[in-house]
Amino acid sequence: VQLVESGGGLVQPGGSLRLSCAASGFAFSLRPMSWYRRAPGKEREFIAGIDSFRADTNYADSVKDRFTISRDNATKTLYLQMNSLKPEDTALYYCSTNVGGLNYWGQGTQVTVSS
């Protein structure tokens, strides 16, 4: 299982970013996928999830109506569209899945929201 995030960077408050997670080594289309983040000095936080079939989604209250999770099963890619970014969204963002009872994580991509 390999998960590789990309798309992070420095953005001003109110701006947007789109994160990607390239997946390999497992049946991507069959697995629910999630995005998490870890801000400096804080615990890792679930922010969005998407299931495998109907693509139902769920979000943490802190990002609801600003972030959108999506997936492209043909390219085995998970996305996180982030709009109206706030300084408190600054964190290392990870994609994650569970395969065979084990949780897998990418290396993360840094998002910094600052003027």
C-alpha atoms as a PDB file:
ATOM      1  CA  VAL A   1       0.000   0.000   0.000  1.00  0.00           C
ATOM      2  CA  GLN A   2       1.370   3.371  -0.973  1.00  0.00           C
ATOM      3  CA  LEU A   3      -0.257   6.775  -0.519  1.00  0.00           C
ATOM      4  CA  VAL A   4       1.469   9.903  -1.822  1.00  0.00           C
ATOM      5  CA  GLU A   5       0.009  13.329  -1.088  1.00  0.00           C
ATOM      6  CA  SER A   6       0.729  16.477  -3.052  1.00  0.00           C
ATOM      7  CA  GLY A   7      -0.640  19.950  -3.623  1.00  0.00           C
ATOM      8  CA  GLY A   8       0.144  21.651  -0.346  1.00  0.00           C
ATOM      9  CA  GLY A   9       1.759  25.049  -0.068  1.00  0.00           C
ATOM     10  CA  LEU A  10       1.507  28.572   1.278  1.00  0.00           C
ATOM     11  CA  VAL A  11      -1.788  30.369   0.683  1.00  0.00           C
ATOM     12  CA  GLN A  12      -3.328  33.588   1.973  1.00  0.00           C
ATOM     13  CA  PRO A  13      -6.428  33.514   4.179  1.00  0.00           C
ATOM     14  CA  GLY A  14      -9.515  33.127   2.020  1.00  0.00           C
ATOM     15  CA  GLY A  15      -7.591  31.303  -0.653  1.00  0.00           C
ATOM     16  CA  SER A  16      -7.954  27.788  -2.058  1.00  0.00           C
ATOM     17  CA  LEU A  17      -5.849  24.698  -2.539  1.00  0.00           C
ATOM     18  CA  ARG A  18      -6.504  21.272  -3.998  1.00  0.00           C
ATOM     19  CA  LEU A  19      -4.709  18.339  -2.438  1.00  0.00           C
ATOM     20  CA  SER A  20      -4.204  15.033  -4.225  1.00  0.00           C
ATOM     21  CA  CYS A  21      -3.399  11.571  -2.943  1.00  0.00           C
ATOM     22  CA  ALA A  22      -2.078   9.015  -5.413  1.00  0.00           C
ATOM     23  CA  ALA A  23      -2.832   5.479  -4.254  1.00  0.00           C
ATOM     24  CA  SER A  24      -1.292   2.183  -5.280  1.00  0.00           C
ATOM     25  CA  GLY A  25      -0.859  -1.358  -4.043  1.00  0.00           C
ATOM     26  CA  PHE A  26      -4.474  -2.070  -3.151  1.00  0.00           C
ATOM     27  CA  ALA A  27      -7.945  -2.129  -4.693  1.00  0.00           C
ATOM     28  CA  PHE A  28      -8.535   1.613  -4.438  1.00  0.00           C
ATOM     29  CA  SER A  29     -12.094   1.530  -5.776  1.00  0.00           C
ATOM     30  CA  LEU A  30     -13.158  -0.866  -3.025  1.00  0.00           C
ATOM     31  CA  ARG A  31     -11.823   1.068  -0.054  1.00  0.00           C
ATOM     32  CA  PRO A  32     -13.184   4.031   1.844  1.00  0.00           C
ATOM     33  CA  MET A  33     -10.656   6.868   1.982  1.00  0.00           C
ATOM     34  CA  SER A  34     -10.085   9.706   4.410  1.00  0.00           C
ATOM     35  CA  TRP A  35      -8.169  12.921   4.916  1.00  0.00           C
ATOM     36  CA  TYR A  36      -6.664  13.836   8.262  1.00  0.00           C
ATOM     37  CA  ARG A  37      -4.514  16.710   9.426  1.00  0.00           C
ATOM     38  CA  ARG A  38      -2.137  17.467  12.275  1.00  0.00           C
ATOM     39  CA  ALA A  39      -1.613  21.052  13.316  1.00  0.00           C
ATOM     40  CA  PRO A  40       1.477  22.063  15.319  1.00  0.00           C
ATOM     41  CA  GLY A  41       1.075  21.003  18.930  1.00  0.00           C
ATOM     42  CA  LYS A  42      -2.227  19.227  18.311  1.00  0.00           C
ATOM     43  CA  GLU A  43      -3.461  15.694  17.842  1.00  0.00           C
ATOM     44  CA  ARG A  44      -4.181  14.289  14.404  1.00  0.00           C
ATOM     45  CA  GLU A  45      -7.717  15.244  13.375  1.00  0.00           C
ATOM     46  CA  PHE A  46     -10.152  13.541  10.984  1.00  0.00           C
ATOM     47  CA  ILE A  47     -11.451  16.079   8.492  1.00  0.00           C
ATOM     48  CA  ALA A  48     -13.181  14.207   5.635  1.00  0.00           C
ATOM     49  CA  GLY A  49     -14.109  10.739   4.466  1.00  0.00           C
ATOM     50  CA  ILE A  50     -15.582   9.166   1.342  1.00  0.00           C
ATOM     51  CA  ASP A  51     -16.910   5.672   0.877  1.00  0.00           C
ATOM     52  CA  SER A  52     -16.110   3.334  -1.974  1.00  0.00           C
ATOM     53  CA  PHE A  53     -19.335   2.780  -3.838  1.00  0.00           C
ATOM     54  CA  ARG A  54     -21.861   5.585  -3.630  1.00  0.00           C
ATOM     55  CA  ALA A  55     -19.135   8.061  -2.741  1.00  0.00           C
ATOM     56  CA  ASP A  56     -21.045   9.235   0.296  1.00  0.00           C
ATOM     57  CA  THR A  57     -19.016  11.809   2.182  1.00  0.00           C
ATOM     58  CA  ASN A  58     -18.710  13.101   5.717  1.00  0.00           C
ATOM     59  CA  TYR A  59     -16.820  16.034   7.198  1.00  0.00           C
ATOM     60  CA  ALA A  60     -15.596  17.419  10.457  1.00  0.00           C
ATOM     61  CA  ASP A  61     -17.594  20.437  11.558  1.00  0.00           C
ATOM     62  CA  SER A  62     -14.465  22.574  11.323  1.00  0.00           C
ATOM     63  CA  VAL A  63     -14.275  22.151   7.529  1.00  0.00           C
ATOM     64  CA  LYS A  64     -17.875  21.493   6.526  1.00  0.00           C
ATOM     65  CA  ASP A  65     -19.067  23.734   3.689  1.00  0.00           C
ATOM     66  CA  ARG A  66     -15.481  24.780   2.915  1.00  0.00           C
ATOM     67  CA  PHE A  67     -13.746  21.521   1.993  1.00  0.00           C
ATOM     68  CA  THR A  68     -14.850  18.881  -0.524  1.00  0.00           C
ATOM     69  CA  ILE A  69     -13.507  15.340  -0.694  1.00  0.00           C
ATOM     70  CA  SER A  70     -13.733  13.419  -3.964  1.00  0.00           C
ATOM     71  CA  ARG A  71     -12.188  10.439  -5.687  1.00  0.00           C
ATOM     72  CA  ASP A  72     -11.341   9.246  -9.164  1.00  0.00           C
ATOM     73  CA  ASN A  73     -11.339   5.463  -9.112  1.00  0.00           C
ATOM     74  CA  ALA A  74     -10.031   5.282 -12.689  1.00  0.00           C
ATOM     75  CA  THR A  75      -6.806   7.075 -11.755  1.00  0.00           C
ATOM     76  CA  LYS A  76      -6.730   5.862  -8.133  1.00  0.00           C
ATOM     77  CA  THR A  77      -6.579   9.401  -6.863  1.00  0.00           C
ATOM     78  CA  LEU A  78      -8.186  11.015  -3.830  1.00  0.00           C
ATOM     79  CA  TYR A  79      -8.742  14.774  -3.739  1.00  0.00           C
ATOM     80  CA  LEU A  80      -9.448  17.449  -1.165  1.00  0.00           C
ATOM     81  CA  GLN A  81     -10.639  20.804  -2.472  1.00  0.00           C
ATOM     82  CA  MET A  82     -10.111  23.420   0.221  1.00  0.00           C
ATOM     83  CA  ASN A  83     -11.784  26.810  -0.083  1.00  0.00           C
ATOM     84  CA  SER A  84     -12.045  29.814   2.221  1.00  0.00           C
ATOM     85  CA  LEU A  85      -8.894  28.741   3.992  1.00  0.00           C
ATOM     86  CA  LYS A  86      -8.199  30.086   7.463  1.00  0.00           C
ATOM     87  CA  PRO A  87      -4.955  30.353   9.451  1.00  0.00           C
ATOM     88  CA  GLU A  88      -6.255  27.598  11.735  1.00  0.00           C
ATOM     89  CA  ASP A  89      -6.267  25.237   8.734  1.00  0.00           C
ATOM     90  CA  THR A  90      -2.466  25.297   8.810  1.00  0.00           C
ATOM     91  CA  ALA A  91      -1.380  21.677   9.257  1.00  0.00           C
ATOM     92  CA  LEU A  92       0.226  18.641   7.724  1.00  0.00           C
ATOM     93  CA  TYR A  93      -2.484  16.888   5.690  1.00  0.00           C
ATOM     94  CA  TYR A  94      -2.550  13.105   5.268  1.00  0.00           C
ATOM     95  CA  CYS A  95      -4.672  10.688   3.279  1.00  0.00           C
ATOM     96  CA  SER A  96      -5.473   7.357   4.842  1.00  0.00           C
ATOM     97  CA  THR A  97      -7.152   4.037   4.246  1.00  0.00           C
ATOM     98  CA  ASN A  98      -7.632   0.735   6.003  1.00  0.00           C
ATOM     99  CA  VAL A  99      -6.627  -2.436   4.236  1.00  0.00           C
ATOM    100  CA  GLY A 100      -6.815  -5.828   5.897  1.00  0.00           C
ATOM    101  CA  GLY A 101      -7.436  -4.261   9.276  1.00  0.00           C
ATOM    102  CA  LEU A 102      -4.351  -2.047   9.116  1.00  0.00           C
ATOM    103  CA  ASN A 103      -4.392   1.739   8.807  1.00  0.00           C
ATOM    104  CA  TYR A 104      -2.113   3.224   6.174  1.00  0.00           C
ATOM    105  CA  TRP A 105      -0.961   6.842   5.876  1.00  0.00           C
ATOM    106  CA  GLY A 106       0.919   8.901   3.369  1.00  0.00           C
ATOM    107  CA  GLN A 107       3.869  11.108   4.277  1.00  0.00           C
ATOM    108  CA  GLY A 108       1.681  14.194   4.311  1.00  0.00           C
ATOM    109  CA  THR A 109       1.659  17.511   2.502  1.00  0.00           C
ATOM    110  CA  GLN A 110       2.079  20.805   4.357  1.00  0.00           C
ATOM    111  CA  VAL A 111      -0.580  23.494   4.100  1.00  0.00           C
ATOM    112  CA  THR A 112       0.230  26.911   5.531  1.00  0.00           C
ATOM    113  CA  VAL A 113      -2.377  29.656   5.588  1.00  0.00           C
ATOM    114  CA  SER A 114      -0.814  33.020   6.301  1.00  0.00           C
ATOM    115  CA  SER A 115      -0.755  36.565   5.027  1.00  0.00           C
END
